[in-house]
Every structure is written in C-alpha cells, then in structure tokens.
N, C-alpha and C. Protein backbone atom coordinates (compact mmCIF):
# COMPACT_ATOMS: atom_id res chain seq x y z
N MET A 1 -128.30 -28.07 139.93
CA MET A 1 -127.62 -27.60 140.97
C MET A 1 -126.31 -28.18 141.12
N VAL A 2 -125.48 -27.35 141.12
CA VAL A 2 -123.76 -27.74 141.00
C VAL A 2 -123.25 -27.87 142.68
N TYR A 3 -122.93 -29.10 142.76
CA TYR A 3 -122.48 -29.07 144.19
C TYR A 3 -121.05 -28.67 144.55
N PRO A 4 -120.95 -28.09 145.64
CA PRO A 4 -119.61 -27.68 145.93
C PRO A 4 -118.46 -29.02 146.42
N SER A 5 -117.29 -28.83 145.84
CA SER A 5 -116.49 -29.73 146.00
C SER A 5 -116.12 -30.77 147.31
N SER A 6 -116.16 -29.92 148.44
CA SER A 6 -116.01 -30.38 149.69
C SER A 6 -116.99 -30.12 150.40
N PRO A 7 -117.35 -31.35 151.39
CA PRO A 7 -118.22 -31.27 152.69
C PRO A 7 -118.80 -30.12 153.16
N LEU A 8 -117.49 -29.45 153.81
CA LEU A 8 -117.98 -28.29 154.35
C LEU A 8 -118.30 -27.17 153.24
N THR A 9 -117.85 -26.95 152.29
CA THR A 9 -118.61 -25.91 151.67
C THR A 9 -119.88 -26.22 151.12
N TYR A 10 -120.05 -27.56 151.08
CA TYR A 10 -121.56 -27.95 150.69
C TYR A 10 -122.51 -27.47 151.74
N TRP A 11 -122.04 -27.61 152.89
CA TRP A 11 -123.07 -27.20 154.06
C TRP A 11 -123.09 -25.60 154.18
N GLN A 12 -121.92 -25.06 153.73
CA GLN A 12 -121.98 -23.60 154.13
C GLN A 12 -122.77 -22.89 152.83
N SER A 13 -122.88 -23.67 151.86
CA SER A 13 -123.87 -23.25 150.67
C SER A 13 -125.35 -23.59 151.31
N LEU A 14 -125.26 -24.68 152.00
CA LEU A 14 -127.24 -24.83 152.49
C LEU A 14 -127.21 -23.83 153.42
N ALA A 15 -126.45 -23.19 154.45
CA ALA A 15 -126.58 -22.25 154.88
C ALA A 15 -126.82 -20.94 154.46
N VAL A 16 -126.37 -20.65 153.35
CA VAL A 16 -126.74 -19.45 152.47
C VAL A 16 -128.09 -19.53 151.65
N ALA A 17 -128.66 -20.85 151.56
CA ALA A 17 -129.58 -21.00 151.05
C ALA A 17 -130.84 -20.55 152.13
N ALA A 18 -130.33 -21.22 153.41
CA ALA A 18 -131.38 -21.18 154.34
C ALA A 18 -131.41 -19.78 154.69
N ASP A 19 -130.73 -18.79 154.85
CA ASP A 19 -130.68 -17.46 155.08
C ASP A 19 -131.41 -16.87 153.95
N ARG A 20 -131.28 -17.06 152.79
CA ARG A 20 -131.94 -16.46 151.56
C ARG A 20 -133.75 -17.08 151.40
N GLY A 21 -133.88 -18.16 152.50
CA GLY A 21 -135.32 -18.41 152.45
C GLY A 21 -135.75 -19.31 151.36
N GLN A 22 -134.48 -20.06 150.62
CA GLN A 22 -134.42 -20.97 149.77
C GLN A 22 -134.45 -22.20 150.27
N LEU A 23 -134.33 -22.73 151.47
CA LEU A 23 -134.20 -23.84 152.14
C LEU A 23 -135.22 -24.06 153.57
N PHE A 24 -136.03 -25.07 153.61
CA PHE A 24 -136.90 -24.99 154.68
C PHE A 24 -136.56 -26.34 155.60
N LEU A 25 -136.88 -26.20 156.54
CA LEU A 25 -137.00 -27.51 157.72
C LEU A 25 -137.63 -27.11 158.95
N ASN A 26 -139.03 -27.99 159.19
CA ASN A 26 -139.82 -27.51 160.20
C ASN A 26 -138.72 -27.56 161.66
N SER A 27 -139.05 -26.70 162.67
CA SER A 27 -138.27 -26.80 163.78
C SER A 27 -137.90 -27.92 164.71
N GLU A 28 -138.80 -28.49 164.92
CA GLU A 28 -138.79 -30.05 165.18
C GLU A 28 -137.65 -31.03 164.68
N ALA A 29 -137.72 -30.70 163.57
CA ALA A 29 -136.97 -31.90 162.86
C ALA A 29 -135.40 -31.12 162.92
N ALA A 30 -135.35 -29.89 162.95
CA ALA A 30 -134.08 -29.21 163.21
C ALA A 30 -133.57 -29.56 164.26
N ALA A 31 -134.55 -29.38 165.23
CA ALA A 31 -133.87 -29.53 166.79
C ALA A 31 -133.61 -31.09 166.98
N ALA A 32 -134.01 -31.80 166.04
CA ALA A 32 -133.84 -33.53 166.28
C ALA A 32 -132.39 -33.35 165.49
N CYS A 33 -132.11 -32.71 164.57
CA CYS A 33 -130.85 -33.09 163.67
C CYS A 33 -129.65 -32.28 164.30
N ASN A 34 -129.95 -31.20 165.23
CA ASN A 34 -129.26 -30.71 165.97
C ASN A 34 -128.72 -31.15 167.11
N LYS A 35 -129.42 -32.02 167.76
CA LYS A 35 -128.99 -32.92 169.12
C LYS A 35 -128.31 -34.08 168.55
N ALA A 36 -128.68 -34.56 167.46
CA ALA A 36 -127.82 -35.83 166.61
C ALA A 36 -126.41 -35.26 166.54
N CYS A 37 -126.37 -33.93 165.70
CA CYS A 37 -125.02 -33.59 165.54
C CYS A 37 -124.17 -33.34 166.88
N GLU A 38 -124.90 -32.84 167.99
CA GLU A 38 -124.36 -32.36 169.19
C GLU A 38 -123.75 -33.82 169.84
N ASP A 39 -124.53 -35.23 169.96
CA ASP A 39 -124.17 -36.24 170.04
C ASP A 39 -122.73 -37.05 169.14
N TYR A 40 -123.07 -36.65 167.94
CA TYR A 40 -121.90 -36.96 166.92
C TYR A 40 -120.77 -36.19 167.39
N ILE A 41 -120.43 -34.79 167.59
CA ILE A 41 -119.55 -34.37 167.67
C ILE A 41 -119.14 -34.69 168.91
N ASP A 42 -119.65 -34.90 169.98
CA ASP A 42 -119.02 -35.41 171.19
C ASP A 42 -118.50 -37.06 171.19
N LYS A 43 -118.75 -37.66 170.26
CA LYS A 43 -118.05 -38.97 169.93
C LYS A 43 -116.94 -38.79 168.80
N LEU A 44 -117.12 -37.79 168.35
CA LEU A 44 -115.67 -37.64 167.42
C LEU A 44 -114.65 -36.88 167.96
N LYS A 45 -115.09 -36.02 169.44
CA LYS A 45 -114.01 -35.46 169.96
C LYS A 45 -113.33 -36.64 171.12
N LEU A 46 -114.04 -37.62 171.52
CA LEU A 46 -113.83 -38.50 172.18
C LEU A 46 -112.79 -39.49 171.39
N SER A 47 -113.12 -39.66 170.32
CA SER A 47 -111.94 -40.22 169.15
C SER A 47 -110.84 -39.60 168.83
N LYS A 48 -111.30 -38.22 169.01
CA LYS A 48 -109.72 -37.54 168.71
C LYS A 48 -108.83 -37.32 169.70
N ASN A 49 -109.48 -37.62 171.10
CA ASN A 49 -108.23 -37.45 172.19
C ASN A 49 -108.03 -38.85 172.20
N LYS A 50 -108.54 -40.00 172.18
CA LYS A 50 -107.89 -41.45 171.88
C LYS A 50 -107.06 -41.20 170.94
N ALA A 51 -107.28 -40.83 169.87
CA ALA A 51 -106.35 -41.02 168.36
C ALA A 51 -104.72 -40.29 169.43
N GLY A 52 -104.77 -39.05 169.83
CA GLY A 52 -103.54 -38.51 170.32
C GLY A 52 -102.99 -39.36 171.01
N ASP A 53 -103.74 -40.20 172.16
CA ASP A 53 -103.21 -41.04 172.84
C ASP A 53 -102.06 -41.91 172.16
N LEU A 54 -102.56 -42.22 170.93
CA LEU A 54 -101.93 -43.23 170.41
C LEU A 54 -100.80 -42.55 170.06
N ALA A 55 -100.36 -41.63 169.46
CA ALA A 55 -99.24 -40.82 169.52
C ALA A 55 -97.98 -41.64 169.94
N ASN A 56 -98.42 -42.13 171.58
CA ASN A 56 -97.46 -42.62 172.49
C ASN A 56 -97.18 -44.20 172.40
N ALA A 57 -97.46 -44.71 171.48
CA ALA A 57 -97.56 -46.25 171.11
C ALA A 57 -96.07 -46.61 171.56
N ASP A 58 -96.15 -47.90 172.67
CA ASP A 58 -94.96 -48.15 172.99
C ASP A 58 -94.74 -49.91 172.83
N GLY A 59 -93.73 -50.35 173.37
CA GLY A 59 -93.64 -51.80 173.68
C GLY A 59 -93.18 -52.50 171.87
N TRP A 60 -92.68 -51.89 170.94
CA TRP A 60 -92.09 -52.39 170.11
C TRP A 60 -90.60 -52.66 169.87
N GLY A 61 -90.19 -52.58 171.02
CA GLY A 61 -89.00 -52.67 171.24
C GLY A 61 -87.62 -51.93 170.94
N GLU A 62 -86.16 -51.94 171.12
CA GLU A 62 -85.43 -51.08 170.66
C GLU A 62 -84.49 -51.22 169.27
N PHE A 63 -85.06 -52.37 168.55
CA PHE A 63 -84.51 -52.84 167.45
C PHE A 63 -85.24 -51.54 166.50
N GLU A 64 -84.40 -51.16 165.56
CA GLU A 64 -84.25 -50.50 164.58
C GLU A 64 -86.05 -50.58 163.69
N SER A 65 -86.37 -51.86 163.58
CA SER A 65 -87.49 -52.28 163.00
C SER A 65 -88.43 -51.73 164.09
N GLY A 66 -88.25 -51.98 165.40
CA GLY A 66 -89.41 -51.34 166.36
C GLY A 66 -89.74 -50.03 166.35
N LYS A 67 -88.60 -49.39 166.33
CA LYS A 67 -88.30 -47.95 166.59
C LYS A 67 -89.03 -47.31 165.04
N GLN A 68 -89.21 -47.76 163.96
CA GLN A 68 -89.82 -47.77 162.72
C GLN A 68 -91.31 -47.50 162.70
N ILE A 69 -91.66 -48.97 163.25
CA ILE A 69 -93.19 -49.24 163.42
C ILE A 69 -93.74 -48.26 164.51
N ARG A 70 -93.04 -47.96 165.50
CA ARG A 70 -93.36 -47.00 166.57
C ARG A 70 -93.58 -45.49 165.68
N LYS A 71 -92.76 -45.30 165.10
CA LYS A 71 -92.91 -43.83 164.49
C LYS A 71 -93.78 -43.89 163.46
N LEU A 72 -94.35 -45.12 162.35
CA LEU A 72 -95.24 -45.17 161.51
C LEU A 72 -96.58 -44.97 161.96
N PHE A 73 -96.70 -45.94 163.35
CA PHE A 73 -97.99 -45.74 164.25
C PHE A 73 -98.22 -44.26 164.86
N SER A 74 -97.40 -43.79 165.23
CA SER A 74 -97.39 -42.58 165.82
C SER A 74 -97.88 -41.41 164.97
N GLU A 75 -97.00 -41.32 163.70
CA GLU A 75 -97.57 -40.32 162.77
C GLU A 75 -99.01 -40.76 161.97
N LYS A 76 -99.23 -42.13 162.04
CA LYS A 76 -100.90 -41.86 161.42
C LYS A 76 -101.74 -41.46 162.42
N ALA A 77 -101.58 -41.55 163.84
CA ALA A 77 -102.19 -41.18 164.76
C ALA A 77 -102.47 -39.73 165.00
N ILE A 78 -101.11 -39.12 164.91
CA ILE A 78 -100.90 -37.34 164.87
C ILE A 78 -99.77 -36.79 164.27
N GLY A 79 -99.56 -35.83 163.51
CA GLY A 79 -98.91 -35.17 163.00
C GLY A 79 -98.03 -35.72 161.56
N GLY A 80 -98.58 -36.89 161.15
CA GLY A 80 -98.53 -37.51 159.50
C GLY A 80 -99.39 -37.16 158.94
N LYS A 81 -99.27 -37.60 157.46
CA LYS A 81 -100.16 -37.26 156.29
C LYS A 81 -101.26 -38.27 156.54
N ASN A 82 -102.39 -37.52 156.41
CA ASN A 82 -103.95 -37.91 156.63
C ASN A 82 -103.66 -38.64 158.28
N ASN A 83 -103.16 -37.95 158.96
CA ASN A 83 -103.15 -38.46 160.71
C ASN A 83 -104.66 -38.77 161.08
N MET A 84 -105.13 -39.43 161.98
CA MET A 84 -106.33 -39.79 162.78
C MET A 84 -106.66 -38.66 163.27
N VAL A 85 -105.98 -37.56 163.97
CA VAL A 85 -106.49 -36.66 164.87
C VAL A 85 -107.13 -35.48 163.78
N ASP A 86 -106.20 -35.40 162.80
CA ASP A 86 -106.49 -34.24 161.43
C ASP A 86 -107.92 -34.75 161.08
N VAL A 87 -108.27 -36.09 160.63
CA VAL A 87 -108.88 -36.56 159.85
C VAL A 87 -110.66 -36.66 160.88
N LEU A 88 -110.45 -36.62 162.21
CA LEU A 88 -111.39 -36.46 162.97
C LEU A 88 -111.85 -35.12 163.30
N GLN A 89 -110.76 -34.49 162.89
CA GLN A 89 -111.39 -32.74 163.27
C GLN A 89 -111.57 -32.02 162.09
N SER A 90 -111.52 -32.73 160.62
CA SER A 90 -112.06 -32.28 159.58
C SER A 90 -113.43 -32.81 159.63
N HIS A 91 -114.12 -33.81 160.29
CA HIS A 91 -115.51 -34.62 160.37
C HIS A 91 -115.87 -33.64 161.47
N ILE A 92 -115.13 -33.37 162.61
CA ILE A 92 -115.89 -32.91 163.36
C ILE A 92 -116.32 -30.67 162.87
N ASP A 93 -115.88 -30.32 162.04
CA ASP A 93 -115.65 -29.07 161.36
C ASP A 93 -116.86 -29.06 160.15
N VAL A 94 -117.16 -30.46 159.71
CA VAL A 94 -117.97 -30.61 158.92
C VAL A 94 -119.66 -30.83 159.65
N VAL A 95 -119.51 -31.41 160.77
CA VAL A 95 -120.64 -31.71 161.50
C VAL A 95 -121.00 -30.25 162.19
N GLU A 96 -120.08 -29.58 162.82
CA GLU A 96 -120.51 -28.37 163.39
C GLU A 96 -121.09 -27.28 162.16
N GLN A 97 -120.58 -27.39 160.75
CA GLN A 97 -121.49 -26.61 159.68
C GLN A 97 -122.69 -27.34 159.47
N MET A 98 -122.79 -28.14 159.61
CA MET A 98 -124.41 -28.91 159.67
C MET A 98 -125.17 -28.53 160.42
N GLN A 99 -124.47 -28.36 161.87
CA GLN A 99 -125.78 -28.08 163.10
C GLN A 99 -125.92 -26.66 162.90
N ALA A 100 -124.84 -25.33 162.45
CA ALA A 100 -125.33 -24.55 161.91
C ALA A 100 -126.46 -24.42 161.28
N VAL A 101 -126.50 -25.04 160.08
CA VAL A 101 -127.73 -24.97 159.20
C VAL A 101 -129.25 -25.31 160.00
N PHE A 102 -128.70 -26.49 160.75
CA PHE A 102 -130.18 -27.10 161.41
C PHE A 102 -130.42 -25.82 162.68
N ARG A 103 -129.57 -25.23 163.26
CA ARG A 103 -129.88 -24.29 164.15
C ARG A 103 -130.52 -23.36 163.59
N LYS A 104 -130.46 -22.66 162.49
CA LYS A 104 -130.80 -21.64 161.69
C LYS A 104 -132.47 -21.64 161.68
N PHE A 105 -133.09 -23.05 161.44
CA PHE A 105 -134.45 -23.43 161.57
C PHE A 105 -135.46 -23.29 162.64
N PHE A 106 -134.64 -23.97 163.96
CA PHE A 106 -135.44 -23.56 164.96
C PHE A 106 -135.00 -22.25 165.88
N VAL A 107 -133.88 -21.86 165.74
CA VAL A 107 -133.72 -20.42 166.05
C VAL A 107 -134.61 -19.37 165.43
N LEU A 108 -134.67 -19.52 164.27
CA LEU A 108 -135.49 -18.69 163.47
C LEU A 108 -137.13 -18.82 164.05
N THR A 109 -137.49 -19.90 164.15
CA THR A 109 -138.67 -20.12 164.51
C THR A 109 -139.09 -19.81 165.61
N TYR A 110 -138.01 -19.85 166.60
CA TYR A 110 -138.13 -19.11 168.11
C TYR A 110 -138.08 -17.45 168.29
N ALA A 111 -137.47 -17.07 167.38
CA ALA A 111 -137.51 -15.79 167.10
C ALA A 111 -138.67 -15.39 166.95
N THR A 112 -139.32 -16.02 165.79
CA THR A 112 -140.49 -15.74 165.23
C THR A 112 -141.65 -15.37 166.20
N ASP A 113 -141.79 -16.51 166.75
CA ASP A 113 -142.54 -16.91 167.75
C ASP A 113 -142.27 -16.05 169.06
N SER A 114 -141.27 -15.52 169.00
CA SER A 114 -141.28 -14.71 170.48
C SER A 114 -141.64 -13.37 170.13
N ASP A 115 -141.54 -12.91 168.67
CA ASP A 115 -141.65 -11.76 168.08
C ASP A 115 -143.48 -11.47 168.31
N ASN A 116 -143.94 -12.98 167.79
CA ASN A 116 -145.25 -12.47 167.44
C ASN A 116 -145.88 -12.24 169.21
N ALA A 117 -145.58 -13.16 169.99
CA ALA A 117 -145.69 -13.27 171.15
C ALA A 117 -145.76 -11.71 171.92
N SER A 118 -144.70 -10.97 171.76
CA SER A 118 -144.64 -9.75 172.23
C SER A 118 -145.41 -8.89 171.42
N ASP A 119 -145.78 -9.08 170.01
CA ASP A 119 -146.88 -8.00 169.44
C ASP A 119 -148.10 -8.31 170.06
N LEU A 120 -148.61 -9.60 170.24
CA LEU A 120 -149.93 -10.12 170.62
C LEU A 120 -150.03 -9.50 172.38
N GLN A 121 -148.92 -9.24 173.42
CA GLN A 121 -149.08 -8.45 174.41
C GLN A 121 -148.97 -7.33 174.11
N GLN A 122 -148.39 -6.77 173.31
CA GLN A 122 -148.60 -5.02 173.06
C GLN A 122 -149.86 -4.58 172.43
N HIS A 123 -150.31 -5.55 171.47
CA HIS A 123 -151.46 -4.79 170.89
C HIS A 123 -152.63 -5.94 171.13
N GLY A 124 -152.83 -6.81 171.96
CA GLY A 124 -153.78 -7.87 171.92
C GLY A 124 -154.34 -8.29 170.51
N PRO A 125 -154.93 -9.54 170.57
CA PRO A 125 -155.58 -10.00 169.43
C PRO A 125 -156.42 -9.12 168.50
N ASN A 126 -156.21 -9.43 167.32
CA ASN A 126 -157.20 -8.82 166.46
C ASN A 126 -158.54 -8.90 166.51
C-alpha cells in the first residue's frame, strides 16, 4: 500500500476506505477513539489559545536587543514561520480527520441498528 505524504491526506484516505467497506472497526472501539479525539482536540485548542497569548510577551526592555527578542518570541507564537498557533491548528485538523473516520463506524452501526429495529417493528420477527 502506498501511503499519502501528509497525515491529513492519510486519514482522508482511511475515510474513503471506510466508506467503501474496506476498513472495519467495531463500534465500541470507534466510540472510545472518538472520545479520545474529542479530549485531545480540547487540549490542543486550549494550548492554541495559550500560544496566542504568548504573542504579547513583554518585559524584555526597550533596548534594541530586547525588542528583537520580543519580536522573535511573538512570531514564534503567532504569525511567523512554523508558529505555534498554526502548528497546533494543523494538529487539530488531523485529529478532526481521525475523528471523522472513527465516527463512521459507530454512526453506521447505530443507523443499521435503528433500521433493523424499525424493520422488526413493522414486520415483526420472522
């Protein structure tokens, strides 16, 4: 199997495989993975908010070197190349794709169970 180059593309390809019936996971495991994703996304969002606050680093003084350090740290937090806010957002994007894959398994199971229950109510057991 050839793996896509980015984590986001990798999880998108797994979602397609799940839709095609080429990937299987029981609903209990999928629900547990979904919950782990929710918890991790919450932590990543909290870290992202804190990283945004770091853009306002102060206390480096008014000498030119202090201003340069303040700018360096500010851009590492937000706005600069490979800044923390953007990196954390890319992690959030990947975990949300993971979560979408996991949801397919317990949502599909729930829908099938509901259809079966509805069919039994209409026609009764055979």
